[in-house]
Amino acid sequence: MAQSNAIMTLSNGEITIKVDLIQTKKSAAILRALNHKLRQQIIKLLNDSKKMTVTEIYVKLRLEQSVASQHLAILRLAQLVTTKRDGKFIFYSVNYERIDEINDFIIDLVGKTPSKERE
């Protein structure tokens, strides 16, 4: 059976591991989306404000509209923010469930427990 270039198989004779390189690449992109200072500022601003339009975000952070839109697109693609249309306005909000999933993944990955408030 031919192996796809998207799957890497590793074996030490006792254990065989298949690594899905496409999923690995997607995961890295999600972590990069969160690990960017400006995108972190946008998430913090949305957390503080609960919901905002792109105009409110770029005015508050003193950005060009195109820069704010590009970073919001990255955050949307990583599902770190959600959108809701209200008439002609699109409101952005933090996707807390997604960030919690990513935080849990990071905890599993690095083996440390960062301070995290749980109910």
C-alpha atoms as a PDB file:
ATOM      1  CA  MET A   1       0.000   0.000   0.000  1.00  0.00           C
ATOM      2  CA  ALA A   2       1.476   3.361  -1.032  1.00  0.00           C
ATOM      3  CA  GLN A   3       2.024   5.872   1.715  1.00  0.00           C
ATOM      4  CA  SER A   4       0.812   9.439   1.299  1.00  0.00           C
ATOM      5  CA  ASN A   5       3.340  12.268   1.567  1.00  0.00           C
ATOM      6  CA  ALA A   6       1.025  13.692   4.215  1.00  0.00           C
ATOM      7  CA  ILE A   7       1.717  10.775   6.573  1.00  0.00           C
ATOM      8  CA  MET A   8       5.106  10.127   8.133  1.00  0.00           C
ATOM      9  CA  THR A   9       5.653   6.717   9.714  1.00  0.00           C
ATOM     10  CA  LEU A  10       8.241   6.377  12.459  1.00  0.00           C
ATOM     11  CA  SER A  11       9.277   3.111  14.060  1.00  0.00           C
ATOM     12  CA  ASN A  12      11.897   1.978  16.534  1.00  0.00           C
ATOM     13  CA  GLY A  13      11.105  -1.715  16.029  1.00  0.00           C
ATOM     14  CA  GLU A  14       8.732  -1.853  18.997  1.00  0.00           C
ATOM     15  CA  ILE A  15       6.477   1.115  18.377  1.00  0.00           C
ATOM     16  CA  THR A  16       5.189   2.431  15.080  1.00  0.00           C
ATOM     17  CA  ILE A  17       3.787   5.953  14.990  1.00  0.00           C
ATOM     18  CA  LYS A  18       1.995   7.584  12.088  1.00  0.00           C
ATOM     19  CA  VAL A  19       2.166  11.372  12.061  1.00  0.00           C
ATOM     20  CA  ASP A  20      -0.391  13.233   9.958  1.00  0.00           C
ATOM     21  CA  LEU A  21       1.690  16.122   8.626  1.00  0.00           C
ATOM     22  CA  ILE A  22      -1.332  18.059   7.357  1.00  0.00           C
ATOM     23  CA  GLN A  23      -2.916  18.014  10.816  1.00  0.00           C
ATOM     24  CA  THR A  24       0.449  18.941  12.326  1.00  0.00           C
ATOM     25  CA  LYS A  25       0.706  21.927   9.985  1.00  0.00           C
ATOM     26  CA  LYS A  26      -2.853  23.032  10.836  1.00  0.00           C
ATOM     27  CA  SER A  27      -2.121  22.718  14.552  1.00  0.00           C
ATOM     28  CA  ALA A  28       1.026  24.808  14.217  1.00  0.00           C
ATOM     29  CA  ALA A  29      -0.947  27.510  12.371  1.00  0.00           C
ATOM     30  CA  ILE A  30      -3.488  27.654  15.204  1.00  0.00           C
ATOM     31  CA  LEU A  31      -0.738  28.009  17.805  1.00  0.00           C
ATOM     32  CA  ARG A  32       0.944  30.712  15.687  1.00  0.00           C
ATOM     33  CA  ALA A  33      -2.376  32.552  15.498  1.00  0.00           C
ATOM     34  CA  LEU A  34      -2.496  32.700  19.284  1.00  0.00           C
ATOM     35  CA  ASN A  35       1.229  33.379  19.709  1.00  0.00           C
ATOM     36  CA  HIS A  36       1.273  36.851  18.142  1.00  0.00           C
ATOM     37  CA  LYS A  37       1.409  40.032  20.211  1.00  0.00           C
ATOM     38  CA  LEU A  38      -1.120  42.026  18.169  1.00  0.00           C
ATOM     39  CA  ARG A  39      -3.578  39.134  17.991  1.00  0.00           C
ATOM     40  CA  GLN A  40      -3.212  38.668  21.746  1.00  0.00           C
ATOM     41  CA  GLN A  41      -4.068  42.368  22.156  1.00  0.00           C
ATOM     42  CA  ILE A  42      -7.142  41.915  19.979  1.00  0.00           C
ATOM     43  CA  ILE A  43      -8.278  38.915  22.028  1.00  0.00           C
ATOM     44  CA  LYS A  44      -7.706  40.837  25.281  1.00  0.00           C
ATOM     45  CA  LEU A  45      -9.658  43.819  23.921  1.00  0.00           C
ATOM     46  CA  LEU A  46     -12.521  41.562  22.845  1.00  0.00           C
ATOM     47  CA  ASN A  47     -12.477  39.888  26.247  1.00  0.00           C
ATOM     48  CA  ASP A  48     -12.713  43.252  27.991  1.00  0.00           C
ATOM     49  CA  SER A  49     -15.421  44.575  25.655  1.00  0.00           C
ATOM     50  CA  LYS A  50     -17.322  41.289  25.081  1.00  0.00           C
ATOM     51  CA  LYS A  51     -18.000  42.148  21.420  1.00  0.00           C
ATOM     52  CA  MET A  52     -16.709  44.703  18.945  1.00  0.00           C
ATOM     53  CA  THR A  53     -16.809  45.601  15.274  1.00  0.00           C
ATOM     54  CA  VAL A  54     -13.643  45.769  13.190  1.00  0.00           C
ATOM     55  CA  THR A  55     -13.971  49.570  13.212  1.00  0.00           C
ATOM     56  CA  GLU A  56     -14.040  49.694  17.017  1.00  0.00           C
ATOM     57  CA  ILE A  57     -11.030  47.380  17.155  1.00  0.00           C
ATOM     58  CA  TYR A  58      -8.832  49.311  14.741  1.00  0.00           C
ATOM     59  CA  VAL A  59      -9.743  52.670  16.299  1.00  0.00           C
ATOM     60  CA  LYS A  60      -9.046  51.420  19.830  1.00  0.00           C
ATOM     61  CA  LEU A  61      -5.725  49.790  18.881  1.00  0.00           C
ATOM     62  CA  ARG A  62      -4.745  52.611  16.481  1.00  0.00           C
ATOM     63  CA  LEU A  63      -4.290  50.289  13.519  1.00  0.00           C
ATOM     64  CA  GLU A  64      -4.966  50.539   9.850  1.00  0.00           C
ATOM     65  CA  GLN A  65      -8.309  48.941   9.008  1.00  0.00           C
ATOM     66  CA  SER A  66      -6.618  46.457   6.664  1.00  0.00           C
ATOM     67  CA  VAL A  67      -4.188  45.333   9.393  1.00  0.00           C
ATOM     68  CA  ALA A  68      -7.012  44.755  11.877  1.00  0.00           C
ATOM     69  CA  SER A  69      -9.017  42.859   9.246  1.00  0.00           C
ATOM     70  CA  GLN A  70      -6.060  40.635   8.319  1.00  0.00           C
ATOM     71  CA  HIS A  71      -5.405  39.691  11.940  1.00  0.00           C
ATOM     72  CA  LEU A  72      -9.103  39.093  12.606  1.00  0.00           C
ATOM     73  CA  ALA A  73      -9.201  36.799   9.561  1.00  0.00           C
ATOM     74  CA  ILE A  74      -6.346  34.754  11.044  1.00  0.00           C
ATOM     75  CA  LEU A  75      -8.141  34.598  14.395  1.00  0.00           C
ATOM     76  CA  ARG A  76     -11.366  33.528  12.658  1.00  0.00           C
ATOM     77  CA  LEU A  77      -9.586  30.846  10.636  1.00  0.00           C
ATOM     78  CA  ALA A  78      -8.129  29.442  13.874  1.00  0.00           C
ATOM     79  CA  GLN A  79     -11.625  29.716  15.408  1.00  0.00           C
ATOM     80  CA  LEU A  80     -10.263  31.859  18.249  1.00  0.00           C
ATOM     81  CA  VAL A  81     -12.966  34.460  17.644  1.00  0.00           C
ATOM     82  CA  THR A  82     -16.554  34.180  16.493  1.00  0.00           C
ATOM     83  CA  THR A  83     -18.648  36.583  14.462  1.00  0.00           C
ATOM     84  CA  LYS A  84     -22.265  37.579  14.640  1.00  0.00           C
ATOM     85  CA  ARG A  85     -23.997  39.780  12.096  1.00  0.00           C
ATOM     86  CA  ASP A  86     -26.406  42.424  13.362  1.00  0.00           C
ATOM     87  CA  GLY A  87     -27.773  44.312  10.377  1.00  0.00           C
ATOM     88  CA  LYS A  88     -24.823  45.769   8.497  1.00  0.00           C
ATOM     89  CA  PHE A  89     -22.428  45.237  11.417  1.00  0.00           C
ATOM     90  CA  ILE A  90     -20.323  42.168  12.153  1.00  0.00           C
ATOM     91  CA  PHE A  91     -19.423  41.782  15.815  1.00  0.00           C
ATOM     92  CA  TYR A  92     -16.375  39.816  16.921  1.00  0.00           C
ATOM     93  CA  SER A  93     -16.221  37.929  20.227  1.00  0.00           C
ATOM     94  CA  VAL A  94     -13.755  35.615  21.932  1.00  0.00           C
ATOM     95  CA  ASN A  95     -14.395  31.907  21.388  1.00  0.00           C
ATOM     96  CA  TYR A  96     -13.691  30.845  24.974  1.00  0.00           C
ATOM     97  CA  GLU A  97     -14.385  27.153  24.328  1.00  0.00           C
ATOM     98  CA  ARG A  98     -11.781  27.041  21.556  1.00  0.00           C
ATOM     99  CA  ILE A  99      -9.172  28.861  23.646  1.00  0.00           C
ATOM    100  CA  ASP A 100      -9.870  26.476  26.521  1.00  0.00           C
ATOM    101  CA  GLU A 101      -9.339  23.492  24.176  1.00  0.00           C
ATOM    102  CA  ILE A 102      -6.056  24.957  22.979  1.00  0.00           C
ATOM    103  CA  ASN A 103      -4.965  25.686  26.542  1.00  0.00           C
ATOM    104  CA  ASP A 104      -5.715  22.071  27.542  1.00  0.00           C
ATOM    105  CA  PHE A 105      -3.701  20.856  24.538  1.00  0.00           C
ATOM    106  CA  ILE A 106      -0.774  23.055  25.542  1.00  0.00           C
ATOM    107  CA  ILE A 107      -0.919  21.778  29.119  1.00  0.00           C
ATOM    108  CA  ASP A 108      -0.811  18.192  27.818  1.00  0.00           C
ATOM    109  CA  LEU A 109       1.994  19.058  25.419  1.00  0.00           C
ATOM    110  CA  VAL A 110       4.359  20.813  27.816  1.00  0.00           C
ATOM    111  CA  GLY A 111       3.362  18.966  30.971  1.00  0.00           C
ATOM    112  CA  LYS A 112       2.894  22.081  33.049  1.00  0.00           C
ATOM    113  CA  THR A 113      -0.224  23.575  34.508  1.00  0.00           C
ATOM    114  CA  PRO A 114      -0.389  27.337  33.943  1.00  0.00           C
ATOM    115  CA  SER A 115      -2.616  29.286  36.255  1.00  0.00           C
ATOM    116  CA  LYS A 116      -6.095  28.644  34.984  1.00  0.00           C
ATOM    117  CA  GLU A 117      -9.309  29.552  36.698  1.00  0.00           C
ATOM    118  CA  ARG A 118     -11.842  26.750  36.614  1.00  0.00           C
ATOM    119  CA  GLU A 119     -15.303  26.686  38.070  1.00  0.00           C
END
